[in-house]
Amino acid sequence: MSSEAFQVAKVYRNLLKAVVKHIGKEDNKRHFREHVTEEFRKNSILSDLTSIRQKIKLAQDYTYFLNSVHHHKELLFSYNIAVDRSEEMKRTLGKSAASVGLQLPEVYES
C-alpha cells in the first residue's frame, strides 16, 4: 500500500470514527456515514493528485471540526454554563454502569 493510499485510509477511518462518536450511529443518522463512504468511494478514482490532496485536507479539517465542537460542548458542560445536564448525567451514569456489566433501569415520569 502506497503512502498516499495509507494516508487516505487513515483519514477515512478517523472521519468515520468522529461521525459515529459525535453524530451517532442510530438508523435515523445513518445517512451521515453513508455520505462519507460515498464521497470517499466516488473520489477514489480521481487521477488529479492535487484534487485528491485537497479533498484529504478537507476531510481532515472536518474531522478536526467535529472533535473540537464536541470537546467545546464538554467544556461548557464541565463549567456548568446554564445548560440542562440531566441527559449528560444519564449518559455518564449509563456508561459507568455498563463498564461493570450493569444496566440502569428506565425511569418513567408521569
N, C-alpha and C. Protein backbone atom coordinates (compact mmCIF):
# COMPACT_ATOMS: atom_id res chain seq x y z
N MET A 1 0.85 -1.18 0.00
CA MET A 1 0.00 0.00 0.00
C MET A 1 0.89 1.23 0.00
N SER A 2 0.65 2.13 -0.94
CA SER A 2 1.47 3.33 -1.03
C SER A 2 1.17 4.27 0.14
N SER A 3 2.05 5.22 0.32
CA SER A 3 1.88 6.15 1.44
C SER A 3 0.64 7.02 1.24
N GLU A 4 0.31 7.37 -0.01
CA GLU A 4 -0.90 8.15 -0.29
C GLU A 4 -2.14 7.34 0.09
N ALA A 5 -2.18 6.07 -0.31
CA ALA A 5 -3.33 5.23 -0.01
C ALA A 5 -3.44 4.99 1.49
N PHE A 6 -2.32 4.84 2.16
CA PHE A 6 -2.33 4.66 3.62
C PHE A 6 -2.89 5.91 4.29
N GLN A 7 -2.48 7.09 3.82
CA GLN A 7 -2.96 8.34 4.39
C GLN A 7 -4.47 8.49 4.16
N VAL A 8 -4.94 8.14 2.97
CA VAL A 8 -6.38 8.23 2.68
C VAL A 8 -7.16 7.29 3.60
N ALA A 9 -6.66 6.07 3.77
CA ALA A 9 -7.34 5.11 4.64
C ALA A 9 -7.38 5.61 6.08
N LYS A 10 -6.30 6.22 6.53
CA LYS A 10 -6.23 6.74 7.90
C LYS A 10 -7.22 7.89 8.08
N VAL A 11 -7.27 8.80 7.12
CA VAL A 11 -8.20 9.94 7.19
C VAL A 11 -9.64 9.43 7.17
N TYR A 12 -9.92 8.48 6.29
CA TYR A 12 -11.27 7.90 6.18
C TYR A 12 -11.68 7.25 7.50
N ARG A 13 -10.80 6.47 8.09
CA ARG A 13 -11.09 5.80 9.35
C ARG A 13 -11.33 6.82 10.46
N ASN A 14 -10.49 7.85 10.55
CA ASN A 14 -10.65 8.86 11.59
C ASN A 14 -11.96 9.64 11.42
N LEU A 15 -12.31 9.95 10.17
CA LEU A 15 -13.55 10.68 9.92
C LEU A 15 -14.77 9.83 10.29
N LEU A 16 -14.75 8.57 9.93
CA LEU A 16 -15.88 7.70 10.30
C LEU A 16 -15.99 7.55 11.81
N LYS A 17 -14.86 7.44 12.51
CA LYS A 17 -14.89 7.36 13.97
C LYS A 17 -15.52 8.61 14.56
N ALA A 18 -15.13 9.77 14.05
CA ALA A 18 -15.67 11.04 14.57
C ALA A 18 -17.16 11.15 14.29
N VAL A 19 -17.59 10.75 13.11
CA VAL A 19 -19.02 10.81 12.78
C VAL A 19 -19.81 9.88 13.69
N VAL A 20 -19.34 8.67 13.89
CA VAL A 20 -20.05 7.73 14.75
C VAL A 20 -20.07 8.21 16.19
N LYS A 21 -18.96 8.73 16.66
CA LYS A 21 -18.85 9.15 18.06
C LYS A 21 -19.67 10.41 18.35
N HIS A 22 -19.61 11.40 17.47
CA HIS A 22 -20.21 12.70 17.77
C HIS A 22 -21.57 12.91 17.15
N ILE A 23 -21.87 12.25 16.06
CA ILE A 23 -23.18 12.40 15.44
C ILE A 23 -24.08 11.24 15.85
N GLY A 24 -23.55 10.05 15.85
CA GLY A 24 -24.31 8.90 16.32
C GLY A 24 -24.34 7.81 15.28
N LYS A 25 -24.76 6.62 15.72
CA LYS A 25 -24.83 5.50 14.80
C LYS A 25 -26.23 4.92 14.72
N GLU A 26 -27.22 5.68 15.16
CA GLU A 26 -28.61 5.24 15.06
C GLU A 26 -29.03 5.19 13.59
N ASP A 27 -30.10 4.47 13.34
CA ASP A 27 -30.58 4.32 11.96
C ASP A 27 -31.00 5.65 11.33
N ASN A 28 -31.57 6.55 12.14
CA ASN A 28 -32.00 7.83 11.57
C ASN A 28 -30.83 8.76 11.26
N LYS A 29 -29.63 8.42 11.67
CA LYS A 29 -28.43 9.23 11.39
C LYS A 29 -27.47 8.49 10.47
N ARG A 30 -27.92 7.38 9.90
CA ARG A 30 -27.09 6.55 9.04
C ARG A 30 -26.63 7.30 7.79
N HIS A 31 -27.43 8.26 7.32
CA HIS A 31 -27.10 8.96 6.09
C HIS A 31 -25.79 9.75 6.20
N PHE A 32 -25.39 10.15 7.40
CA PHE A 32 -24.10 10.84 7.55
C PHE A 32 -22.94 9.89 7.21
N ARG A 33 -22.98 8.68 7.77
CA ARG A 33 -21.94 7.69 7.47
C ARG A 33 -21.96 7.30 6.00
N GLU A 34 -23.16 7.13 5.47
CA GLU A 34 -23.27 6.75 4.06
C GLU A 34 -22.72 7.83 3.15
N HIS A 35 -22.94 9.09 3.51
CA HIS A 35 -22.42 10.19 2.70
C HIS A 35 -20.89 10.20 2.70
N VAL A 36 -20.30 10.01 3.86
CA VAL A 36 -18.84 9.97 3.95
C VAL A 36 -18.29 8.82 3.12
N THR A 37 -18.89 7.65 3.25
CA THR A 37 -18.44 6.48 2.50
C THR A 37 -18.59 6.71 1.00
N GLU A 38 -19.72 7.27 0.61
CA GLU A 38 -19.97 7.53 -0.81
C GLU A 38 -18.96 8.52 -1.38
N GLU A 39 -18.65 9.58 -0.64
CA GLU A 39 -17.69 10.58 -1.12
C GLU A 39 -16.29 9.98 -1.27
N PHE A 40 -15.87 9.15 -0.32
CA PHE A 40 -14.55 8.55 -0.42
C PHE A 40 -14.48 7.57 -1.59
N ARG A 41 -15.55 6.82 -1.80
CA ARG A 41 -15.56 5.88 -2.93
C ARG A 41 -15.59 6.62 -4.26
N LYS A 42 -16.39 7.68 -4.32
CA LYS A 42 -16.51 8.45 -5.55
C LYS A 42 -15.17 9.11 -5.91
N ASN A 43 -14.45 9.57 -4.92
CA ASN A 43 -13.19 10.27 -5.16
C ASN A 43 -12.00 9.34 -5.25
N SER A 44 -12.21 8.05 -5.05
CA SER A 44 -11.09 7.11 -5.12
C SER A 44 -10.59 6.93 -6.56
N ILE A 45 -11.40 7.30 -7.53
CA ILE A 45 -11.00 7.13 -8.92
C ILE A 45 -10.42 8.40 -9.53
N LEU A 46 -10.26 9.42 -8.73
CA LEU A 46 -9.67 10.67 -9.23
C LEU A 46 -8.21 10.44 -9.60
N SER A 47 -7.80 11.03 -10.69
CA SER A 47 -6.40 10.89 -11.11
C SER A 47 -5.59 12.15 -10.81
N ASP A 48 -6.28 13.24 -10.54
CA ASP A 48 -5.60 14.50 -10.26
C ASP A 48 -5.10 14.50 -8.81
N LEU A 49 -3.78 14.45 -8.63
CA LEU A 49 -3.17 14.36 -7.31
C LEU A 49 -3.48 15.59 -6.45
N THR A 50 -3.51 16.77 -7.07
CA THR A 50 -3.81 17.99 -6.33
C THR A 50 -5.23 17.95 -5.78
N SER A 51 -6.16 17.48 -6.59
CA SER A 51 -7.55 17.39 -6.15
C SER A 51 -7.69 16.39 -5.01
N ILE A 52 -6.99 15.29 -5.09
CA ILE A 52 -7.03 14.28 -4.02
C ILE A 52 -6.51 14.87 -2.72
N ARG A 53 -5.41 15.59 -2.79
CA ARG A 53 -4.83 16.20 -1.58
C ARG A 53 -5.77 17.24 -0.98
N GLN A 54 -6.45 18.01 -1.83
CA GLN A 54 -7.41 18.99 -1.32
C GLN A 54 -8.56 18.31 -0.60
N LYS A 55 -9.05 17.23 -1.16
CA LYS A 55 -10.17 16.52 -0.53
C LYS A 55 -9.73 15.84 0.76
N ILE A 56 -8.51 15.32 0.80
CA ILE A 56 -7.99 14.72 2.03
C ILE A 56 -7.88 15.80 3.11
N LYS A 57 -7.39 16.97 2.74
CA LYS A 57 -7.27 18.08 3.68
C LYS A 57 -8.64 18.49 4.19
N LEU A 58 -9.63 18.53 3.30
CA LEU A 58 -10.99 18.88 3.70
C LEU A 58 -11.54 17.85 4.69
N ALA A 59 -11.31 16.57 4.44
CA ALA A 59 -11.77 15.52 5.35
C ALA A 59 -11.07 15.63 6.71
N GLN A 60 -9.77 15.93 6.70
CA GLN A 60 -9.04 16.10 7.97
C GLN A 60 -9.58 17.29 8.74
N ASP A 61 -9.85 18.38 8.03
CA ASP A 61 -10.39 19.58 8.69
C ASP A 61 -11.77 19.31 9.28
N TYR A 62 -12.61 18.58 8.56
CA TYR A 62 -13.94 18.28 9.06
C TYR A 62 -13.86 17.37 10.29
N THR A 63 -12.95 16.42 10.28
CA THR A 63 -12.75 15.55 11.44
C THR A 63 -12.32 16.38 12.65
N TYR A 64 -11.38 17.28 12.42
CA TYR A 64 -10.91 18.16 13.49
C TYR A 64 -12.05 19.04 14.01
N PHE A 65 -12.89 19.53 13.09
CA PHE A 65 -14.03 20.36 13.46
C PHE A 65 -15.01 19.58 14.35
N LEU A 66 -15.37 18.36 13.95
CA LEU A 66 -16.29 17.54 14.75
C LEU A 66 -15.74 17.29 16.14
N ASN A 67 -14.48 16.92 16.22
CA ASN A 67 -13.86 16.64 17.52
C ASN A 67 -13.79 17.91 18.37
N SER A 68 -13.50 19.04 17.76
CA SER A 68 -13.39 20.30 18.51
C SER A 68 -14.74 20.77 19.04
N VAL A 69 -15.78 20.65 18.22
CA VAL A 69 -17.11 21.06 18.68
C VAL A 69 -17.54 20.19 19.85
N HIS A 70 -17.28 18.90 19.78
CA HIS A 70 -17.64 18.01 20.88
C HIS A 70 -16.85 18.36 22.14
N HIS A 71 -15.57 18.63 21.98
CA HIS A 71 -14.74 19.00 23.12
C HIS A 71 -15.22 20.32 23.73
N HIS A 72 -15.59 21.27 22.89
CA HIS A 72 -16.08 22.56 23.37
C HIS A 72 -17.38 22.36 24.16
N LYS A 73 -18.26 21.51 23.67
CA LYS A 73 -19.50 21.22 24.37
C LYS A 73 -19.22 20.59 25.73
N GLU A 74 -18.26 19.67 25.78
CA GLU A 74 -17.90 19.06 27.07
C GLU A 74 -17.35 20.09 28.04
N LEU A 75 -16.56 21.04 27.53
CA LEU A 75 -16.04 22.09 28.40
C LEU A 75 -17.17 22.95 28.95
N LEU A 76 -18.13 23.30 28.10
CA LEU A 76 -19.27 24.08 28.58
C LEU A 76 -20.03 23.33 29.66
N PHE A 77 -20.23 22.03 29.47
CA PHE A 77 -20.90 21.24 30.49
C PHE A 77 -20.09 21.21 31.77
N SER A 78 -18.78 21.07 31.66
CA SER A 78 -17.96 20.97 32.87
C SER A 78 -17.93 22.29 33.63
N TYR A 79 -18.09 23.41 32.92
CA TYR A 79 -18.12 24.71 33.60
C TYR A 79 -19.52 25.08 34.05
N ASN A 80 -20.48 24.18 33.77
CA ASN A 80 -21.87 24.37 34.19
C ASN A 80 -22.45 25.67 33.65
N ILE A 81 -22.31 25.89 32.37
CA ILE A 81 -22.78 27.11 31.72
C ILE A 81 -24.25 26.98 31.36
N ALA A 82 -25.14 27.25 32.25
CA ALA A 82 -26.58 27.36 32.05
C ALA A 82 -27.15 26.38 31.03
N VAL A 83 -26.81 25.13 31.16
CA VAL A 83 -27.38 24.11 30.29
C VAL A 83 -27.94 23.00 31.15
N ASP A 84 -28.90 22.31 30.61
CA ASP A 84 -29.50 21.19 31.32
C ASP A 84 -28.57 19.99 31.22
N ARG A 85 -28.05 19.56 32.32
CA ARG A 85 -27.07 18.47 32.33
C ARG A 85 -27.69 17.12 32.62
N SER A 86 -29.00 17.04 32.71
CA SER A 86 -29.61 15.77 33.10
C SER A 86 -29.33 14.68 32.07
N GLU A 87 -29.41 14.98 30.77
CA GLU A 87 -29.14 13.97 29.75
C GLU A 87 -27.67 13.54 29.80
N GLU A 88 -26.78 14.50 30.00
CA GLU A 88 -25.35 14.19 30.07
C GLU A 88 -25.06 13.30 31.29
N MET A 89 -25.72 13.59 32.40
CA MET A 89 -25.51 12.79 33.60
C MET A 89 -26.07 11.38 33.41
N LYS A 90 -27.22 11.25 32.75
CA LYS A 90 -27.78 9.93 32.48
C LYS A 90 -26.83 9.12 31.62
N ARG A 91 -26.26 9.77 30.61
CA ARG A 91 -25.34 9.08 29.71
C ARG A 91 -24.09 8.65 30.46
N THR A 92 -23.56 9.51 31.31
CA THR A 92 -22.36 9.19 32.09
C THR A 92 -22.63 8.04 33.06
N LEU A 93 -23.76 8.10 33.74
CA LEU A 93 -24.11 7.03 34.67
C LEU A 93 -24.34 5.72 33.92
N GLY A 94 -24.96 5.79 32.75
CA GLY A 94 -25.18 4.59 31.95
C GLY A 94 -23.87 3.96 31.51
N LYS A 95 -22.91 4.79 31.10
CA LYS A 95 -21.59 4.27 30.70
C LYS A 95 -20.87 3.65 31.88
N SER A 96 -20.98 4.30 33.05
CA SER A 96 -20.32 3.76 34.24
C SER A 96 -20.92 2.42 34.63
N ALA A 97 -22.23 2.33 34.59
CA ALA A 97 -22.89 1.07 34.93
C ALA A 97 -22.54 -0.01 33.92
N ALA A 98 -22.51 0.34 32.65
CA ALA A 98 -22.20 -0.64 31.60
C ALA A 98 -20.77 -1.15 31.72
N SER A 99 -19.87 -0.32 32.24
CA SER A 99 -18.47 -0.74 32.34
C SER A 99 -18.28 -1.87 33.35
N VAL A 100 -19.24 -2.03 34.29
CA VAL A 100 -19.16 -3.13 35.25
C VAL A 100 -20.24 -4.17 34.99
N GLY A 101 -20.88 -4.09 33.82
CA GLY A 101 -21.85 -5.11 33.43
C GLY A 101 -23.25 -4.90 33.93
N LEU A 102 -23.59 -3.71 34.34
CA LEU A 102 -24.94 -3.42 34.82
C LEU A 102 -25.67 -2.55 33.82
N GLN A 103 -26.98 -2.50 33.98
CA GLN A 103 -27.78 -1.64 33.14
C GLN A 103 -28.72 -0.85 34.03
N LEU A 104 -28.78 0.46 33.82
CA LEU A 104 -29.66 1.29 34.63
C LEU A 104 -31.11 1.06 34.23
N PRO A 105 -32.03 1.08 35.20
CA PRO A 105 -33.44 0.90 34.86
C PRO A 105 -33.98 2.15 34.17
N GLU A 106 -35.01 1.94 33.36
CA GLU A 106 -35.68 3.07 32.71
C GLU A 106 -36.48 3.81 33.78
N VAL A 107 -36.45 5.13 33.74
CA VAL A 107 -37.18 5.94 34.69
C VAL A 107 -38.36 6.56 33.95
N TYR A 108 -39.55 6.30 34.47
CA TYR A 108 -40.76 6.82 33.82
C TYR A 108 -41.27 8.01 34.63
N GLU A 109 -41.52 9.09 33.91
CA GLU A 109 -42.06 10.28 34.57
C GLU A 109 -43.51 10.42 34.17
N SER A 110 -44.35 10.79 35.14
CA SER A 110 -45.78 10.93 34.82
C SER A 110 -46.16 12.36 34.64
